[in-house]
Amino acid sequence: MKQIVIAGIIGAVMGFIMSFLMNYLMVPVPETVVDHAFAHGTTGAISGFMGGFMGVYSFLSNQKKKQNLKLDQE
C-alpha cells in the first residue's frame, strides 16, 4: 500500500508540473470564460493522463525489480 501511495504522489507531482508548464507556456491568455475553461480542462486531462500513466509505470517497474531480486535470491 505504501508503494502505491508513493507512486501516486510521484504521478501527481509530474501531472502538476506538466499542467503548470502547459498553462504557463502554451496556452495564451484567453479572451472569454469558455476559452479559459476549455484550456484548463484540456491541460488538466493531459496532465492527469500523464501523471496517472507515470504513477502506474513507476509502481509496475518497482514491482518488477522486486520480483527479479526475489528470483535472483532463490
N, C-alpha and C. Protein backbone atom coordinates (compact mmCIF):
# COMPACT_ATOMS: atom_id res chain seq x y z
N MET A 1 0.83 -1.20 0.00
CA MET A 1 0.00 0.00 0.00
C MET A 1 0.87 1.27 0.00
N LYS A 2 1.98 1.20 0.75
CA LYS A 2 2.87 2.35 0.82
C LYS A 2 3.45 2.67 -0.55
N GLN A 3 3.79 1.63 -1.32
CA GLN A 3 4.35 1.84 -2.66
C GLN A 3 3.33 2.47 -3.59
N ILE A 4 2.07 2.10 -3.45
CA ILE A 4 1.02 2.68 -4.30
C ILE A 4 0.88 4.17 -4.01
N VAL A 5 0.92 4.53 -2.74
CA VAL A 5 0.81 5.94 -2.36
C VAL A 5 2.00 6.74 -2.88
N ILE A 6 3.19 6.18 -2.75
CA ILE A 6 4.39 6.85 -3.26
C ILE A 6 4.31 7.03 -4.77
N ALA A 7 3.88 5.97 -5.49
CA ALA A 7 3.74 6.07 -6.95
C ALA A 7 2.69 7.10 -7.32
N GLY A 8 1.59 7.17 -6.55
CA GLY A 8 0.57 8.17 -6.80
C GLY A 8 1.06 9.58 -6.58
N ILE A 9 1.87 9.77 -5.54
CA ILE A 9 2.43 11.10 -5.28
C ILE A 9 3.38 11.50 -6.40
N ILE A 10 4.20 10.57 -6.84
CA ILE A 10 5.12 10.86 -7.96
C ILE A 10 4.31 11.25 -9.20
N GLY A 11 3.26 10.50 -9.50
CA GLY A 11 2.41 10.81 -10.65
C GLY A 11 1.72 12.16 -10.50
N ALA A 12 1.27 12.48 -9.29
CA ALA A 12 0.60 13.76 -9.06
C ALA A 12 1.55 14.93 -9.25
N VAL A 13 2.77 14.79 -8.76
CA VAL A 13 3.76 15.87 -8.92
C VAL A 13 4.09 16.05 -10.40
N MET A 14 4.26 14.93 -11.12
CA MET A 14 4.55 15.04 -12.55
C MET A 14 3.37 15.66 -13.30
N GLY A 15 2.15 15.30 -12.94
CA GLY A 15 0.98 15.90 -13.55
C GLY A 15 0.86 17.38 -13.25
N PHE A 16 1.18 17.76 -12.01
CA PHE A 16 1.16 19.17 -11.64
C PHE A 16 2.16 19.97 -12.47
N ILE A 17 3.36 19.44 -12.59
CA ILE A 17 4.40 20.14 -13.36
C ILE A 17 3.99 20.26 -14.82
N MET A 18 3.45 19.18 -15.38
CA MET A 18 3.02 19.19 -16.78
C MET A 18 1.89 20.21 -16.99
N SER A 19 0.92 20.21 -16.11
CA SER A 19 -0.20 21.15 -16.23
C SER A 19 0.28 22.59 -16.07
N PHE A 20 1.16 22.83 -15.10
CA PHE A 20 1.68 24.17 -14.89
C PHE A 20 2.41 24.67 -16.13
N LEU A 21 3.28 23.83 -16.67
CA LEU A 21 4.05 24.25 -17.84
C LEU A 21 3.16 24.49 -19.06
N MET A 22 2.16 23.63 -19.25
CA MET A 22 1.26 23.82 -20.40
C MET A 22 0.45 25.10 -20.24
N ASN A 23 -0.05 25.35 -19.04
CA ASN A 23 -0.85 26.57 -18.83
C ASN A 23 0.01 27.82 -18.91
N TYR A 24 1.24 27.74 -18.45
CA TYR A 24 2.09 28.92 -18.42
C TYR A 24 2.72 29.22 -19.78
N LEU A 25 3.16 28.19 -20.48
CA LEU A 25 3.92 28.40 -21.70
C LEU A 25 3.10 28.26 -22.99
N MET A 26 2.15 27.35 -23.02
CA MET A 26 1.49 27.03 -24.28
C MET A 26 0.13 27.70 -24.47
N VAL A 27 -0.60 27.91 -23.38
CA VAL A 27 -1.95 28.44 -23.50
C VAL A 27 -1.90 29.95 -23.35
N PRO A 28 -2.28 30.68 -24.39
CA PRO A 28 -2.28 32.14 -24.25
C PRO A 28 -3.41 32.59 -23.32
N VAL A 29 -3.36 33.83 -22.92
CA VAL A 29 -4.40 34.36 -22.05
C VAL A 29 -5.72 34.37 -22.83
N PRO A 30 -6.72 33.60 -22.36
CA PRO A 30 -7.97 33.51 -23.12
C PRO A 30 -8.80 34.79 -23.04
N GLU A 31 -9.58 34.99 -24.09
CA GLU A 31 -10.41 36.20 -24.14
C GLU A 31 -11.76 36.00 -23.46
N THR A 32 -12.27 34.78 -23.45
CA THR A 32 -13.58 34.53 -22.85
C THR A 32 -13.46 33.47 -21.75
N VAL A 33 -14.50 33.40 -20.94
CA VAL A 33 -14.53 32.41 -19.86
C VAL A 33 -14.58 30.99 -20.43
N VAL A 34 -15.30 30.80 -21.52
CA VAL A 34 -15.41 29.48 -22.14
C VAL A 34 -14.04 29.02 -22.65
N ASP A 35 -13.30 29.91 -23.29
CA ASP A 35 -11.95 29.56 -23.75
C ASP A 35 -11.04 29.21 -22.58
N HIS A 36 -11.19 29.96 -21.50
CA HIS A 36 -10.39 29.72 -20.30
C HIS A 36 -10.70 28.34 -19.72
N ALA A 37 -11.98 28.02 -19.59
CA ALA A 37 -12.39 26.72 -19.05
C ALA A 37 -11.95 25.58 -19.95
N PHE A 38 -12.07 25.77 -21.26
CA PHE A 38 -11.65 24.73 -22.20
C PHE A 38 -10.15 24.49 -22.12
N ALA A 39 -9.37 25.55 -22.03
CA ALA A 39 -7.91 25.41 -21.95
C ALA A 39 -7.51 24.67 -20.68
N HIS A 40 -8.11 25.03 -19.56
CA HIS A 40 -7.76 24.36 -18.30
C HIS A 40 -8.26 22.91 -18.29
N GLY A 41 -9.41 22.67 -18.88
CA GLY A 41 -9.91 21.29 -18.96
C GLY A 41 -9.01 20.42 -19.81
N THR A 42 -8.56 20.95 -20.93
CA THR A 42 -7.69 20.19 -21.82
C THR A 42 -6.35 19.90 -21.16
N THR A 43 -5.73 20.91 -20.58
CA THR A 43 -4.43 20.68 -19.94
C THR A 43 -4.57 19.80 -18.71
N GLY A 44 -5.68 19.92 -18.01
CA GLY A 44 -5.92 19.05 -16.86
C GLY A 44 -6.07 17.59 -17.28
N ALA A 45 -6.77 17.36 -18.38
CA ALA A 45 -6.93 15.99 -18.87
C ALA A 45 -5.58 15.40 -19.32
N ILE A 46 -4.81 16.19 -20.03
CA ILE A 46 -3.50 15.71 -20.49
C ILE A 46 -2.57 15.44 -19.32
N SER A 47 -2.50 16.38 -18.38
CA SER A 47 -1.60 16.18 -17.24
C SER A 47 -2.10 15.06 -16.33
N GLY A 48 -3.40 14.90 -16.21
CA GLY A 48 -3.94 13.79 -15.43
C GLY A 48 -3.59 12.45 -16.03
N PHE A 49 -3.69 12.35 -17.35
CA PHE A 49 -3.31 11.12 -18.03
C PHE A 49 -1.82 10.85 -17.85
N MET A 50 -1.00 11.87 -18.05
CA MET A 50 0.45 11.68 -17.92
C MET A 50 0.83 11.32 -16.48
N GLY A 51 0.23 12.00 -15.52
CA GLY A 51 0.52 11.70 -14.12
C GLY A 51 0.09 10.30 -13.73
N GLY A 52 -1.10 9.90 -14.15
CA GLY A 52 -1.57 8.55 -13.87
C GLY A 52 -0.71 7.50 -14.53
N PHE A 53 -0.36 7.74 -15.78
CA PHE A 53 0.48 6.79 -16.51
C PHE A 53 1.84 6.64 -15.84
N MET A 54 2.46 7.75 -15.47
CA MET A 54 3.78 7.68 -14.84
C MET A 54 3.71 7.05 -13.45
N GLY A 55 2.64 7.30 -12.72
CA GLY A 55 2.47 6.67 -11.41
C GLY A 55 2.34 5.16 -11.52
N VAL A 56 1.51 4.70 -12.46
CA VAL A 56 1.35 3.26 -12.67
C VAL A 56 2.65 2.65 -13.20
N TYR A 57 3.31 3.35 -14.10
CA TYR A 57 4.57 2.85 -14.66
C TYR A 57 5.64 2.69 -13.58
N SER A 58 5.76 3.68 -12.70
CA SER A 58 6.77 3.57 -11.64
C SER A 58 6.42 2.46 -10.66
N PHE A 59 5.14 2.27 -10.37
CA PHE A 59 4.73 1.18 -9.48
C PHE A 59 5.05 -0.18 -10.11
N LEU A 60 4.71 -0.34 -11.38
CA LEU A 60 4.97 -1.62 -12.03
C LEU A 60 6.46 -1.90 -12.18
N SER A 61 7.25 -0.87 -12.45
CA SER A 61 8.70 -1.10 -12.57
C SER A 61 9.30 -1.48 -11.21
N ASN A 62 8.80 -0.89 -10.12
CA ASN A 62 9.26 -1.28 -8.79
C ASN A 62 8.88 -2.72 -8.48
N GLN A 63 7.67 -3.11 -8.85
CA GLN A 63 7.24 -4.49 -8.63
C GLN A 63 8.11 -5.46 -9.42
N LYS A 64 8.46 -5.10 -10.65
CA LYS A 64 9.28 -5.97 -11.48
C LYS A 64 10.68 -6.11 -10.89
N LYS A 65 11.24 -5.00 -10.38
CA LYS A 65 12.56 -5.06 -9.76
C LYS A 65 12.54 -5.97 -8.54
N LYS A 66 11.50 -5.86 -7.72
CA LYS A 66 11.40 -6.72 -6.53
C LYS A 66 11.27 -8.18 -6.92
N GLN A 67 10.51 -8.44 -7.96
CA GLN A 67 10.33 -9.82 -8.42
C GLN A 67 11.65 -10.38 -8.94
N ASN A 68 12.42 -9.58 -9.68
CA ASN A 68 13.72 -10.02 -10.18
C ASN A 68 14.70 -10.27 -9.04
N LEU A 69 14.68 -9.42 -8.01
CA LEU A 69 15.55 -9.64 -6.86
C LEU A 69 15.20 -10.93 -6.13
N LYS A 70 13.90 -11.19 -6.02
CA LYS A 70 13.43 -12.38 -5.35
C LYS A 70 13.87 -13.63 -6.13
N LEU A 71 13.78 -13.57 -7.46
CA LEU A 71 14.19 -14.70 -8.28
C LEU A 71 15.71 -14.91 -8.22
N ASP A 72 16.47 -13.84 -8.13
CA ASP A 72 17.93 -13.95 -8.05
C ASP A 72 18.37 -14.56 -6.73
N GLN A 73 17.63 -14.31 -5.66
CA GLN A 73 17.99 -14.85 -4.37
C GLN A 73 17.71 -16.34 -4.24
N GLU A 74 16.78 -16.83 -5.05
CA GLU A 74 16.43 -18.27 -4.98
C GLU A 74 17.36 -19.12 -5.70
